[in-house]
Amino acid sequence: MGYYIRVLGSQDPNIHIDELIQSLKADGLAAKFELSSTEEPGRWTILNILNADGEPLAQLERNLIVEGELGKEELDEFKEDIQNYKPISAVKWLTNYFDKVKVIYAFQMLNAAFDDGNFEIVSSIKTKIWNKTKGILQTDNEGFSNEDGYHILWQFSDTVTGDWSCAVRNWLGNWDMFVMDLGDKNQRQEFQDGKIPKKAKRL
């Protein structure tokens, strides 16, 4: 198993490779894309992402949520898996949200993707697809975001550190956003309890 970052989209528009190229250009970035000869640049299923020097960074796979297909199987696995994590309010929200997911874009990250300058390329493509599909984000060994990109489900390892933009559901059903210290055990517990950590910075 590789390391994956995913976009779970509530919409499934065609995203032409030229759109990705233009989006990268607007961000001051450049990349190369490789398609199978059987694929169309405006309706592809597997796309290889390379930096401007031709170094492979990631393989991007587009899977529709169709009964019996990989995308549906993956979504069903997520539904089952998240039941073991917290906050419970995020689990409930995600379980409901999954019902409107139409497509999953899965980035299989290669080692070179984490080298200087390369991650920005993959991140730019991910953001473009996320905005187009009006979805949420999932990262292996981290968790899920809400539709605004704030982290809502704790799936980090116990050794994680650093500041992170997160959100919890309040009693009105809205999101309260904040920046928390992932390495602070008290803040971790408060977040997993569905509360804004006392030492977190409100946004």
N, C-alpha and C. Protein backbone atom coordinates (compact mmCIF):
# COMPACT_ATOMS: atom_id res chain seq x y z
N MET A 1 0.85 -1.20 0.00
CA MET A 1 0.00 0.00 0.00
C MET A 1 0.88 1.25 0.00
N GLY A 2 0.53 2.19 -0.87
CA GLY A 2 1.25 3.45 -0.91
C GLY A 2 0.61 4.46 0.02
N TYR A 3 1.10 5.68 -0.07
CA TYR A 3 0.57 6.78 0.73
C TYR A 3 -0.36 7.59 -0.17
N TYR A 4 -1.58 7.80 0.28
CA TYR A 4 -2.60 8.44 -0.55
C TYR A 4 -3.15 9.72 0.07
N ILE A 5 -3.44 10.66 -0.80
CA ILE A 5 -4.25 11.83 -0.49
C ILE A 5 -5.45 11.77 -1.43
N ARG A 6 -6.65 12.01 -0.91
CA ARG A 6 -7.85 11.85 -1.73
C ARG A 6 -8.75 13.08 -1.68
N VAL A 7 -9.43 13.29 -2.78
CA VAL A 7 -10.53 14.25 -2.84
C VAL A 7 -11.80 13.44 -3.04
N LEU A 8 -12.77 13.61 -2.15
CA LEU A 8 -14.06 12.94 -2.28
C LEU A 8 -15.06 13.99 -2.73
N GLY A 9 -15.43 13.94 -4.01
CA GLY A 9 -16.23 14.99 -4.60
C GLY A 9 -17.72 14.74 -4.57
N SER A 10 -18.48 15.79 -4.28
CA SER A 10 -19.94 15.70 -4.33
C SER A 10 -20.46 15.99 -5.74
N GLN A 11 -19.57 16.45 -6.61
CA GLN A 11 -19.90 16.65 -8.02
C GLN A 11 -18.82 15.99 -8.87
N ASP A 12 -19.17 15.66 -10.12
CA ASP A 12 -18.21 14.97 -10.99
C ASP A 12 -18.13 15.64 -12.37
N PRO A 13 -17.62 16.87 -12.41
CA PRO A 13 -17.46 17.52 -13.71
C PRO A 13 -16.24 16.96 -14.44
N ASN A 14 -16.23 17.09 -15.76
CA ASN A 14 -15.03 16.75 -16.51
C ASN A 14 -13.95 17.77 -16.19
N ILE A 15 -12.75 17.31 -15.91
CA ILE A 15 -11.63 18.20 -15.63
C ILE A 15 -10.54 17.92 -16.66
N HIS A 16 -10.44 18.80 -17.65
CA HIS A 16 -9.49 18.62 -18.74
C HIS A 16 -8.07 18.88 -18.23
N ILE A 17 -7.12 18.15 -18.78
CA ILE A 17 -5.72 18.35 -18.40
C ILE A 17 -5.30 19.80 -18.60
N ASP A 18 -5.82 20.44 -19.63
CA ASP A 18 -5.47 21.85 -19.89
C ASP A 18 -5.89 22.74 -18.72
N GLU A 19 -6.99 22.41 -18.05
CA GLU A 19 -7.41 23.17 -16.87
C GLU A 19 -6.39 23.05 -15.76
N LEU A 20 -5.86 21.84 -15.57
CA LEU A 20 -4.84 21.63 -14.54
C LEU A 20 -3.57 22.39 -14.87
N ILE A 21 -3.20 22.39 -16.14
CA ILE A 21 -1.99 23.11 -16.57
C ILE A 21 -2.15 24.61 -16.32
N GLN A 22 -3.32 25.15 -16.67
CA GLN A 22 -3.57 26.58 -16.47
C GLN A 22 -3.60 26.94 -14.99
N SER A 23 -4.17 26.05 -14.17
CA SER A 23 -4.22 26.29 -12.73
C SER A 23 -2.82 26.31 -12.13
N LEU A 24 -1.98 25.38 -12.57
CA LEU A 24 -0.59 25.36 -12.12
C LEU A 24 0.13 26.63 -12.53
N LYS A 25 -0.09 27.04 -13.76
CA LYS A 25 0.56 28.25 -14.28
C LYS A 25 0.17 29.47 -13.45
N ALA A 26 -1.10 29.55 -13.06
CA ALA A 26 -1.58 30.66 -12.24
C ALA A 26 -0.90 30.67 -10.87
N ASP A 27 -0.47 29.50 -10.42
CA ASP A 27 0.23 29.38 -9.14
C ASP A 27 1.74 29.49 -9.31
N GLY A 28 2.20 29.78 -10.53
CA GLY A 28 3.63 29.90 -10.78
C GLY A 28 4.34 28.56 -10.83
N LEU A 29 3.60 27.51 -11.20
CA LEU A 29 4.14 26.15 -11.21
C LEU A 29 3.99 25.53 -12.59
N ALA A 30 4.73 24.45 -12.82
CA ALA A 30 4.63 23.73 -14.09
C ALA A 30 4.78 22.24 -13.82
N ALA A 31 4.11 21.43 -14.63
CA ALA A 31 4.20 19.98 -14.49
C ALA A 31 3.95 19.33 -15.84
N LYS A 32 4.24 18.05 -15.90
CA LYS A 32 3.95 17.26 -17.08
C LYS A 32 2.95 16.17 -16.69
N PHE A 33 2.13 15.76 -17.64
CA PHE A 33 1.14 14.72 -17.40
C PHE A 33 1.29 13.61 -18.44
N GLU A 34 1.10 12.39 -17.99
CA GLU A 34 1.15 11.24 -18.89
C GLU A 34 -0.18 10.49 -18.82
N LEU A 35 -0.72 10.19 -20.00
CA LEU A 35 -1.97 9.45 -20.13
C LEU A 35 -1.74 8.19 -20.94
N SER A 36 -2.53 7.17 -20.67
CA SER A 36 -2.54 6.00 -21.55
C SER A 36 -3.12 6.41 -22.90
N SER A 37 -2.71 5.72 -23.94
CA SER A 37 -3.20 6.03 -25.29
C SER A 37 -4.70 5.81 -25.42
N THR A 38 -5.27 5.06 -24.50
CA THR A 38 -6.72 4.79 -24.55
C THR A 38 -7.53 5.84 -23.77
N GLU A 39 -6.84 6.76 -23.12
CA GLU A 39 -7.51 7.77 -22.29
C GLU A 39 -7.73 9.06 -23.08
N GLU A 40 -8.73 9.83 -22.65
CA GLU A 40 -8.99 11.13 -23.24
C GLU A 40 -8.58 12.23 -22.27
N PRO A 41 -7.94 13.32 -22.75
CA PRO A 41 -7.47 14.38 -21.85
C PRO A 41 -8.58 15.10 -21.11
N GLY A 42 -9.82 14.97 -21.59
CA GLY A 42 -10.93 15.62 -20.90
C GLY A 42 -11.78 14.70 -20.06
N ARG A 43 -11.48 13.40 -20.11
CA ARG A 43 -12.28 12.43 -19.35
C ARG A 43 -11.41 11.23 -19.00
N TRP A 44 -10.37 11.47 -18.26
CA TRP A 44 -9.37 10.45 -17.95
C TRP A 44 -9.71 9.72 -16.65
N THR A 45 -9.10 8.54 -16.47
CA THR A 45 -9.28 7.78 -15.23
C THR A 45 -7.96 7.63 -14.47
N ILE A 46 -6.84 7.57 -15.20
CA ILE A 46 -5.53 7.49 -14.55
C ILE A 46 -4.60 8.51 -15.20
N LEU A 47 -3.96 9.31 -14.36
CA LEU A 47 -3.09 10.39 -14.82
C LEU A 47 -1.79 10.35 -14.03
N ASN A 48 -0.67 10.27 -14.73
CA ASN A 48 0.63 10.34 -14.07
C ASN A 48 1.09 11.78 -14.02
N ILE A 49 1.51 12.22 -12.84
CA ILE A 49 1.95 13.60 -12.63
C ILE A 49 3.47 13.62 -12.48
N LEU A 50 4.15 14.44 -13.28
CA LEU A 50 5.59 14.57 -13.24
C LEU A 50 5.95 16.04 -13.09
N ASN A 51 7.12 16.33 -12.52
CA ASN A 51 7.54 17.73 -12.46
C ASN A 51 8.07 18.15 -13.84
N ALA A 52 8.49 19.39 -13.95
CA ALA A 52 8.91 19.92 -15.25
C ALA A 52 10.12 19.19 -15.81
N ASP A 53 10.90 18.55 -14.92
CA ASP A 53 12.07 17.79 -15.36
C ASP A 53 11.73 16.35 -15.74
N GLY A 54 10.47 15.99 -15.61
CA GLY A 54 10.04 14.64 -15.97
C GLY A 54 10.15 13.62 -14.86
N GLU A 55 10.34 14.09 -13.62
CA GLU A 55 10.45 13.19 -12.48
C GLU A 55 9.04 12.84 -11.98
N PRO A 56 8.68 11.55 -11.89
CA PRO A 56 7.34 11.16 -11.44
C PRO A 56 7.09 11.57 -9.99
N LEU A 57 5.93 12.18 -9.75
CA LEU A 57 5.57 12.64 -8.41
C LEU A 57 4.40 11.86 -7.82
N ALA A 58 3.42 11.55 -8.65
CA ALA A 58 2.22 10.87 -8.15
C ALA A 58 1.44 10.27 -9.31
N GLN A 59 0.65 9.25 -8.98
CA GLN A 59 -0.33 8.74 -9.93
C GLN A 59 -1.71 9.11 -9.41
N LEU A 60 -2.49 9.74 -10.26
CA LEU A 60 -3.82 10.20 -9.87
C LEU A 60 -4.87 9.33 -10.54
N GLU A 61 -5.73 8.75 -9.72
CA GLU A 61 -6.77 7.85 -10.23
C GLU A 61 -8.14 8.42 -9.91
N ARG A 62 -9.01 8.41 -10.90
CA ARG A 62 -10.37 8.93 -10.74
C ARG A 62 -11.35 7.77 -10.73
N ASN A 63 -12.04 7.59 -9.60
CA ASN A 63 -12.96 6.46 -9.44
C ASN A 63 -14.37 6.95 -9.14
N LEU A 64 -15.30 6.61 -10.02
CA LEU A 64 -16.69 6.96 -9.80
C LEU A 64 -17.30 6.06 -8.72
N ILE A 65 -18.30 6.59 -8.03
CA ILE A 65 -18.99 5.81 -7.00
C ILE A 65 -20.11 5.03 -7.70
N VAL A 66 -19.77 3.84 -8.14
CA VAL A 66 -20.68 2.97 -8.87
C VAL A 66 -20.66 1.60 -8.20
N GLU A 67 -21.82 1.03 -7.98
CA GLU A 67 -21.92 -0.28 -7.33
C GLU A 67 -21.04 -1.30 -8.05
N GLY A 68 -20.21 -2.01 -7.26
CA GLY A 68 -19.34 -3.04 -7.81
C GLY A 68 -18.00 -2.52 -8.30
N GLU A 69 -17.80 -1.20 -8.27
CA GLU A 69 -16.54 -0.61 -8.73
C GLU A 69 -15.68 -0.20 -7.54
N LEU A 70 -14.39 0.09 -7.84
CA LEU A 70 -13.41 0.40 -6.79
C LEU A 70 -13.81 1.59 -5.94
N GLY A 71 -14.34 2.64 -6.58
CA GLY A 71 -14.71 3.84 -5.83
C GLY A 71 -15.75 3.55 -4.76
N LYS A 72 -16.76 2.77 -5.10
CA LYS A 72 -17.81 2.41 -4.13
C LYS A 72 -17.24 1.55 -3.02
N GLU A 73 -16.37 0.61 -3.36
CA GLU A 73 -15.75 -0.24 -2.35
C GLU A 73 -14.92 0.59 -1.38
N GLU A 74 -14.18 1.55 -1.92
CA GLU A 74 -13.34 2.40 -1.08
C GLU A 74 -14.20 3.25 -0.15
N LEU A 75 -15.28 3.81 -0.67
CA LEU A 75 -16.17 4.63 0.14
C LEU A 75 -16.82 3.80 1.25
N ASP A 76 -17.22 2.58 0.94
CA ASP A 76 -17.80 1.70 1.95
C ASP A 76 -16.79 1.37 3.05
N GLU A 77 -15.53 1.20 2.66
CA GLU A 77 -14.47 0.95 3.64
C GLU A 77 -14.29 2.15 4.57
N PHE A 78 -14.34 3.35 4.00
CA PHE A 78 -14.24 4.56 4.81
C PHE A 78 -15.39 4.64 5.81
N LYS A 79 -16.60 4.35 5.35
CA LYS A 79 -17.78 4.40 6.22
C LYS A 79 -17.60 3.49 7.43
N GLU A 80 -17.05 2.31 7.19
CA GLU A 80 -16.85 1.35 8.27
C GLU A 80 -15.68 1.76 9.16
N ASP A 81 -14.60 2.20 8.54
CA ASP A 81 -13.37 2.50 9.28
C ASP A 81 -13.53 3.68 10.23
N ILE A 82 -14.23 4.73 9.81
CA ILE A 82 -14.29 5.94 10.63
C ILE A 82 -15.08 5.73 11.92
N GLN A 83 -15.87 4.68 12.00
CA GLN A 83 -16.65 4.43 13.22
C GLN A 83 -15.75 4.22 14.43
N ASN A 84 -14.47 3.91 14.20
CA ASN A 84 -13.53 3.66 15.29
C ASN A 84 -12.78 4.90 15.73
N TYR A 85 -13.13 6.07 15.17
CA TYR A 85 -12.37 7.28 15.44
C TYR A 85 -13.25 8.37 16.03
N LYS A 86 -12.62 9.48 16.42
CA LYS A 86 -13.32 10.59 17.06
C LYS A 86 -12.88 11.90 16.43
N PRO A 87 -13.67 12.99 16.62
CA PRO A 87 -14.88 13.11 17.43
C PRO A 87 -16.07 12.36 16.82
N ILE A 88 -16.98 11.94 17.69
CA ILE A 88 -18.18 11.23 17.24
C ILE A 88 -19.03 12.13 16.34
N SER A 89 -19.05 13.43 16.64
CA SER A 89 -19.84 14.36 15.82
C SER A 89 -19.32 14.40 14.39
N ALA A 90 -18.00 14.28 14.21
CA ALA A 90 -17.41 14.26 12.87
C ALA A 90 -17.74 12.95 12.16
N VAL A 91 -17.73 11.86 12.91
CA VAL A 91 -18.08 10.55 12.33
C VAL A 91 -19.50 10.60 11.78
N LYS A 92 -20.42 11.17 12.55
CA LYS A 92 -21.81 11.26 12.11
C LYS A 92 -21.93 12.13 10.86
N TRP A 93 -21.22 13.27 10.86
CA TRP A 93 -21.29 14.17 9.72
C TRP A 93 -20.72 13.51 8.47
N LEU A 94 -19.57 12.85 8.61
CA LEU A 94 -18.95 12.18 7.47
C LEU A 94 -19.82 11.05 6.93
N THR A 95 -20.41 10.28 7.84
CA THR A 95 -21.27 9.17 7.43
C THR A 95 -22.41 9.66 6.54
N ASN A 96 -22.99 10.79 6.92
CA ASN A 96 -24.06 11.39 6.10
C ASN A 96 -23.50 11.97 4.81
N TYR A 97 -22.33 12.61 4.91
CA TYR A 97 -21.74 13.25 3.72
C TYR A 97 -21.39 12.22 2.66
N PHE A 98 -20.92 11.07 3.07
CA PHE A 98 -20.51 10.03 2.11
C PHE A 98 -21.65 9.66 1.16
N ASP A 99 -22.89 9.83 1.60
CA ASP A 99 -24.03 9.46 0.76
C ASP A 99 -24.14 10.33 -0.50
N LYS A 100 -23.51 11.50 -0.48
CA LYS A 100 -23.59 12.36 -1.67
C LYS A 100 -22.28 12.42 -2.46
N VAL A 101 -21.30 11.60 -2.08
CA VAL A 101 -20.04 11.54 -2.82
C VAL A 101 -20.26 10.82 -4.15
N LYS A 102 -19.81 11.44 -5.23
CA LYS A 102 -19.99 10.88 -6.57
C LYS A 102 -18.69 10.38 -7.19
N VAL A 103 -17.55 10.85 -6.68
CA VAL A 103 -16.27 10.48 -7.28
C VAL A 103 -15.16 10.60 -6.24
N ILE A 104 -14.15 9.76 -6.36
CA ILE A 104 -12.96 9.86 -5.52
C ILE A 104 -11.75 10.02 -6.42
N TYR A 105 -11.00 11.09 -6.19
CA TYR A 105 -9.71 11.28 -6.85
C TYR A 105 -8.63 10.87 -5.86
N ALA A 106 -7.86 9.84 -6.19
CA ALA A 106 -6.85 9.31 -5.28
C ALA A 106 -5.45 9.59 -5.82
N PHE A 107 -4.68 10.37 -5.07
CA PHE A 107 -3.29 10.67 -5.41
C PHE A 107 -2.40 9.65 -4.70
N GLN A 108 -1.76 8.76 -5.44
CA GLN A 108 -0.76 7.88 -4.84
C GLN A 108 0.57 8.61 -4.89
N MET A 109 1.04 9.03 -3.73
CA MET A 109 2.22 9.88 -3.65
C MET A 109 3.50 9.04 -3.76
N LEU A 110 4.40 9.48 -4.62
CA LEU A 110 5.72 8.86 -4.74
C LEU A 110 6.72 9.64 -3.91
N ASN A 111 7.87 9.05 -3.62
CA ASN A 111 8.85 9.69 -2.74
C ASN A 111 9.24 11.08 -3.20
N ALA A 112 9.40 11.25 -4.51
CA ALA A 112 9.84 12.54 -5.05
C ALA A 112 8.83 13.65 -4.80
N ALA A 113 7.58 13.28 -4.54
CA ALA A 113 6.54 14.29 -4.31
C ALA A 113 6.83 15.13 -3.08
N PHE A 114 7.63 14.61 -2.17
CA PHE A 114 7.90 15.30 -0.91
C PHE A 114 9.20 16.10 -0.95
N ASP A 115 9.88 16.10 -2.11
CA ASP A 115 11.09 16.90 -2.26
C ASP A 115 10.72 18.37 -2.46
N ASP A 116 11.71 19.25 -2.25
CA ASP A 116 11.49 20.69 -2.36
C ASP A 116 10.83 21.06 -3.69
N GLY A 117 9.75 21.82 -3.61
CA GLY A 117 9.09 22.32 -4.80
C GLY A 117 8.11 21.37 -5.44
N ASN A 118 8.24 20.09 -5.18
CA ASN A 118 7.37 19.11 -5.84
C ASN A 118 6.01 18.98 -5.18
N PHE A 119 5.99 19.06 -3.85
CA PHE A 119 4.71 18.89 -3.15
C PHE A 119 3.73 19.98 -3.54
N GLU A 120 4.27 21.19 -3.80
CA GLU A 120 3.41 22.30 -4.20
C GLU A 120 2.67 21.99 -5.50
N ILE A 121 3.32 21.24 -6.39
CA ILE A 121 2.69 20.86 -7.66
C ILE A 121 1.47 19.98 -7.40
N VAL A 122 1.68 18.93 -6.62
CA VAL A 122 0.58 18.01 -6.31
C VAL A 122 -0.52 18.73 -5.54
N SER A 123 -0.12 19.58 -4.60
CA SER A 123 -1.09 20.30 -3.78
C SER A 123 -1.95 21.24 -4.63
N SER A 124 -1.33 21.89 -5.61
CA SER A 124 -2.07 22.78 -6.50
C SER A 124 -3.11 22.02 -7.31
N ILE A 125 -2.72 20.85 -7.83
CA ILE A 125 -3.65 20.02 -8.60
C ILE A 125 -4.79 19.53 -7.71
N LYS A 126 -4.43 19.11 -6.50
CA LYS A 126 -5.44 18.64 -5.54
C LYS A 126 -6.46 19.74 -5.24
N THR A 127 -5.97 20.96 -5.01
CA THR A 127 -6.86 22.08 -4.69
C THR A 127 -7.79 22.41 -5.85
N LYS A 128 -7.26 22.37 -7.07
CA LYS A 128 -8.09 22.63 -8.25
C LYS A 128 -9.23 21.60 -8.34
N ILE A 129 -8.89 20.33 -8.17
CA ILE A 129 -9.90 19.27 -8.25
C ILE A 129 -10.90 19.38 -7.10
N TRP A 130 -10.40 19.68 -5.91
CA TRP A 130 -11.26 19.86 -4.74
C TRP A 130 -12.29 20.96 -4.98
N ASN A 131 -11.83 22.09 -5.53
CA ASN A 131 -12.74 23.20 -5.80
C ASN A 131 -13.76 22.85 -6.89
N LYS A 132 -13.31 22.13 -7.91
CA LYS A 132 -14.20 21.77 -9.02
C LYS A 132 -15.27 20.75 -8.60
N THR A 133 -14.89 19.83 -7.73
CA THR A 133 -15.81 18.76 -7.34
C THR A 133 -16.61 19.07 -6.08
N LYS A 134 -16.30 20.22 -5.46
CA LYS A 134 -16.99 20.65 -4.23
C LYS A 134 -17.01 19.51 -3.21
N GLY A 135 -15.81 19.06 -2.84
CA GLY A 135 -15.70 17.89 -1.99
C GLY A 135 -15.00 18.13 -0.67
N ILE A 136 -14.55 17.03 -0.10
CA ILE A 136 -13.77 17.04 1.14
C ILE A 136 -12.45 16.34 0.87
N LEU A 137 -11.53 16.43 1.83
CA LEU A 137 -10.20 15.86 1.66
C LEU A 137 -9.96 14.75 2.66
N GLN A 138 -9.16 13.77 2.25
CA GLN A 138 -8.74 12.68 3.14
C GLN A 138 -7.26 12.44 2.91
N THR A 139 -6.52 12.27 4.00
CA THR A 139 -5.10 11.97 3.92
C THR A 139 -4.79 10.77 4.81
N ASP A 140 -4.09 9.79 4.26
CA ASP A 140 -3.74 8.60 5.04
C ASP A 140 -2.99 8.99 6.30
N ASN A 141 -3.32 8.34 7.41
CA ASN A 141 -2.66 8.54 8.71
C ASN A 141 -2.85 9.95 9.28
N GLU A 142 -3.84 10.67 8.75
CA GLU A 142 -4.17 11.99 9.29
C GLU A 142 -5.67 12.09 9.56
N GLY A 143 -6.49 11.87 8.51
CA GLY A 143 -7.92 11.94 8.70
C GLY A 143 -8.62 12.68 7.58
N PHE A 144 -9.80 13.24 7.90
CA PHE A 144 -10.65 13.89 6.91
C PHE A 144 -10.81 15.37 7.22
N SER A 145 -11.11 16.13 6.17
CA SER A 145 -11.47 17.53 6.33
C SER A 145 -12.97 17.70 6.11
N ASN A 146 -13.47 18.91 6.41
CA ASN A 146 -14.82 19.26 5.99
C ASN A 146 -14.74 19.94 4.62
N GLU A 147 -15.85 20.50 4.15
CA GLU A 147 -15.87 21.09 2.81
C GLU A 147 -15.02 22.35 2.71
N ASP A 148 -14.68 22.95 3.84
CA ASP A 148 -13.84 24.14 3.84
C ASP A 148 -12.36 23.82 4.03
N GLY A 149 -12.04 22.53 4.14
CA GLY A 149 -10.64 22.13 4.26
C GLY A 149 -10.11 22.05 5.68
N TYR A 150 -10.96 22.26 6.68
CA TYR A 150 -10.52 22.16 8.08
C TYR A 150 -10.58 20.70 8.53
N HIS A 151 -9.57 20.29 9.27
CA HIS A 151 -9.44 18.90 9.71
C HIS A 151 -10.50 18.59 10.77
N ILE A 152 -11.23 17.47 10.58
CA ILE A 152 -12.34 17.19 11.51
C ILE A 152 -12.29 15.82 12.18
N LEU A 153 -11.46 14.89 11.69
CA LEU A 153 -11.42 13.54 12.27
C LEU A 153 -9.98 13.17 12.60
N TRP A 154 -9.76 12.74 13.85
CA TRP A 154 -8.41 12.42 14.31
C TRP A 154 -8.01 11.00 13.92
N GLN A 155 -7.06 10.90 12.98
CA GLN A 155 -6.48 9.61 12.62
C GLN A 155 -4.95 9.69 12.61
N PHE A 156 -4.42 10.67 13.33
CA PHE A 156 -2.97 10.86 13.42
C PHE A 156 -2.34 9.79 14.31
N SER A 157 -1.03 9.63 14.16
CA SER A 157 -0.27 8.77 15.07
C SER A 157 -0.04 9.52 16.38
N ASP A 158 0.37 8.80 17.41
CA ASP A 158 0.59 9.41 18.72
C ASP A 158 1.81 10.33 18.73
N THR A 159 2.66 10.22 17.73
CA THR A 159 3.91 11.01 17.71
C THR A 159 3.77 12.31 16.92
N VAL A 160 2.58 12.61 16.43
CA VAL A 160 2.40 13.79 15.59
C VAL A 160 2.62 15.08 16.39
N THR A 161 3.18 16.10 15.73
CA THR A 161 3.39 17.41 16.34
C THR A 161 3.04 18.49 15.32
N GLY A 162 3.01 19.73 15.79
CA GLY A 162 2.79 20.86 14.90
C GLY A 162 1.42 21.48 15.04
N ASP A 163 1.27 22.68 14.49
CA ASP A 163 -0.01 23.38 14.51
C ASP A 163 -0.86 22.92 13.33
N TRP A 164 -2.19 22.83 13.54
CA TRP A 164 -3.07 22.30 12.50
C TRP A 164 -4.41 23.04 12.54
N SER A 165 -4.93 23.37 11.38
CA SER A 165 -6.24 24.03 11.29
C SER A 165 -7.35 22.99 11.35
N CYS A 166 -8.18 23.07 12.38
CA CYS A 166 -9.20 22.04 12.64
C CYS A 166 -10.57 22.69 12.85
N ALA A 167 -11.57 21.83 12.96
CA ALA A 167 -12.93 22.31 13.23
C ALA A 167 -13.72 21.23 13.95
N VAL A 168 -14.66 21.65 14.80
CA VAL A 168 -15.60 20.73 15.45
C VAL A 168 -17.01 21.27 15.26
N ARG A 169 -17.99 20.38 15.29
CA ARG A 169 -19.39 20.77 15.14
C ARG A 169 -19.92 21.31 16.46
N ASN A 170 -20.62 22.45 16.40
CA ASN A 170 -21.23 22.97 17.62
C ASN A 170 -22.69 22.50 17.71
N TRP A 171 -23.36 22.88 18.77
CA TRP A 171 -24.71 22.35 19.02
C TRP A 171 -25.73 22.84 18.00
N LEU A 172 -25.37 23.90 17.24
CA LEU A 172 -26.24 24.40 16.19
C LEU A 172 -26.02 23.67 14.86
N GLY A 173 -25.01 22.79 14.84
CA GLY A 173 -24.71 22.08 13.61
C GLY A 173 -23.77 22.82 12.69
N ASN A 174 -23.13 23.87 13.21
CA ASN A 174 -22.15 24.63 12.43
C ASN A 174 -20.74 24.26 12.85
N TRP A 175 -19.77 24.66 12.03
CA TRP A 175 -18.37 24.36 12.34
C TRP A 175 -17.72 25.50 13.11
N ASP A 176 -17.03 25.18 14.20
CA ASP A 176 -16.17 26.12 14.91
C ASP A 176 -14.73 25.82 14.52
N MET A 177 -14.04 26.81 13.95
CA MET A 177 -12.69 26.60 13.44
C MET A 177 -11.63 27.14 14.40
N PHE A 178 -10.48 26.50 14.39
CA PHE A 178 -9.39 26.90 15.28
C PHE A 178 -8.08 26.26 14.81
N VAL A 179 -6.98 26.75 15.37
CA VAL A 179 -5.67 26.14 15.15
C VAL A 179 -5.23 25.52 16.46
N MET A 180 -4.92 24.23 16.44
CA MET A 180 -4.51 23.53 17.66
C MET A 180 -3.10 22.97 17.53
N ASP A 181 -2.50 22.67 18.67
CA ASP A 181 -1.19 22.04 18.72
C ASP A 181 -1.39 20.53 18.78
N LEU A 182 -1.05 19.84 17.69
CA LEU A 182 -1.29 18.40 17.62
C LEU A 182 -0.50 17.62 18.67
N GLY A 183 0.61 18.18 19.12
CA GLY A 183 1.46 17.48 20.08
C GLY A 183 1.01 17.62 21.53
N ASP A 184 0.06 18.52 21.78
CA ASP A 184 -0.45 18.76 23.13
C ASP A 184 -1.53 17.72 23.44
N LYS A 185 -1.25 16.83 24.39
CA LYS A 185 -2.18 15.73 24.67
C LYS A 185 -3.53 16.21 25.18
N ASN A 186 -3.53 17.31 25.93
CA ASN A 186 -4.80 17.84 26.41
C ASN A 186 -5.65 18.36 25.25
N GLN A 187 -4.99 19.06 24.32
CA GLN A 187 -5.72 19.56 23.16
C GLN A 187 -6.23 18.41 22.30
N ARG A 188 -5.44 17.37 22.18
CA ARG A 188 -5.88 16.18 21.43
C ARG A 188 -7.17 15.62 22.03
N GLN A 189 -7.17 15.46 23.35
CA GLN A 189 -8.33 14.86 24.01
C GLN A 189 -9.56 15.73 23.85
N GLU A 190 -9.37 17.04 24.03
CA GLU A 190 -10.51 17.96 23.90
C GLU A 190 -11.08 17.91 22.48
N PHE A 191 -10.19 17.87 21.48
CA PHE A 191 -10.64 17.78 20.09
C PHE A 191 -11.42 16.49 19.87
N GLN A 192 -10.87 15.37 20.36
CA GLN A 192 -11.53 14.08 20.17
C GLN A 192 -12.87 14.01 20.91
N ASP A 193 -13.00 14.82 21.95
CA ASP A 193 -14.27 14.91 22.68
C ASP A 193 -15.27 15.84 21.97
N GLY A 194 -14.84 16.39 20.83
CA GLY A 194 -15.72 17.28 20.08
C GLY A 194 -15.77 18.69 20.60
N LYS A 195 -14.73 19.10 21.34
CA LYS A 195 -14.68 20.43 21.94
C LYS A 195 -13.54 21.25 21.33
N ILE A 196 -13.69 22.56 21.41
CA ILE A 196 -12.58 23.44 21.01
C ILE A 196 -11.54 23.39 22.12
N PRO A 197 -10.31 22.98 21.83
CA PRO A 197 -9.29 22.93 22.89
C PRO A 197 -9.10 24.30 23.54
N LYS A 198 -8.98 24.32 24.86
CA LYS A 198 -8.89 25.58 25.61
C LYS A 198 -7.71 26.43 25.15
N LYS A 199 -6.61 25.80 24.77
CA LYS A 199 -5.41 26.54 24.37
C LYS A 199 -5.33 26.77 22.86
N ALA A 200 -6.36 26.36 22.14
CA ALA A 200 -6.36 26.54 20.68
C ALA A 200 -6.61 28.01 20.33
N LYS A 201 -6.18 28.40 19.14
CA LYS A 201 -6.42 29.75 18.64
C LYS A 201 -7.66 29.74 17.76
N ARG A 202 -8.69 30.47 18.19
CA ARG A 202 -9.95 30.50 17.42
C ARG A 202 -9.75 31.24 16.10
N LEU A 203 -10.45 30.80 15.09
CA LEU A 203 -10.38 31.44 13.77
C LEU A 203 -11.72 32.09 13.43
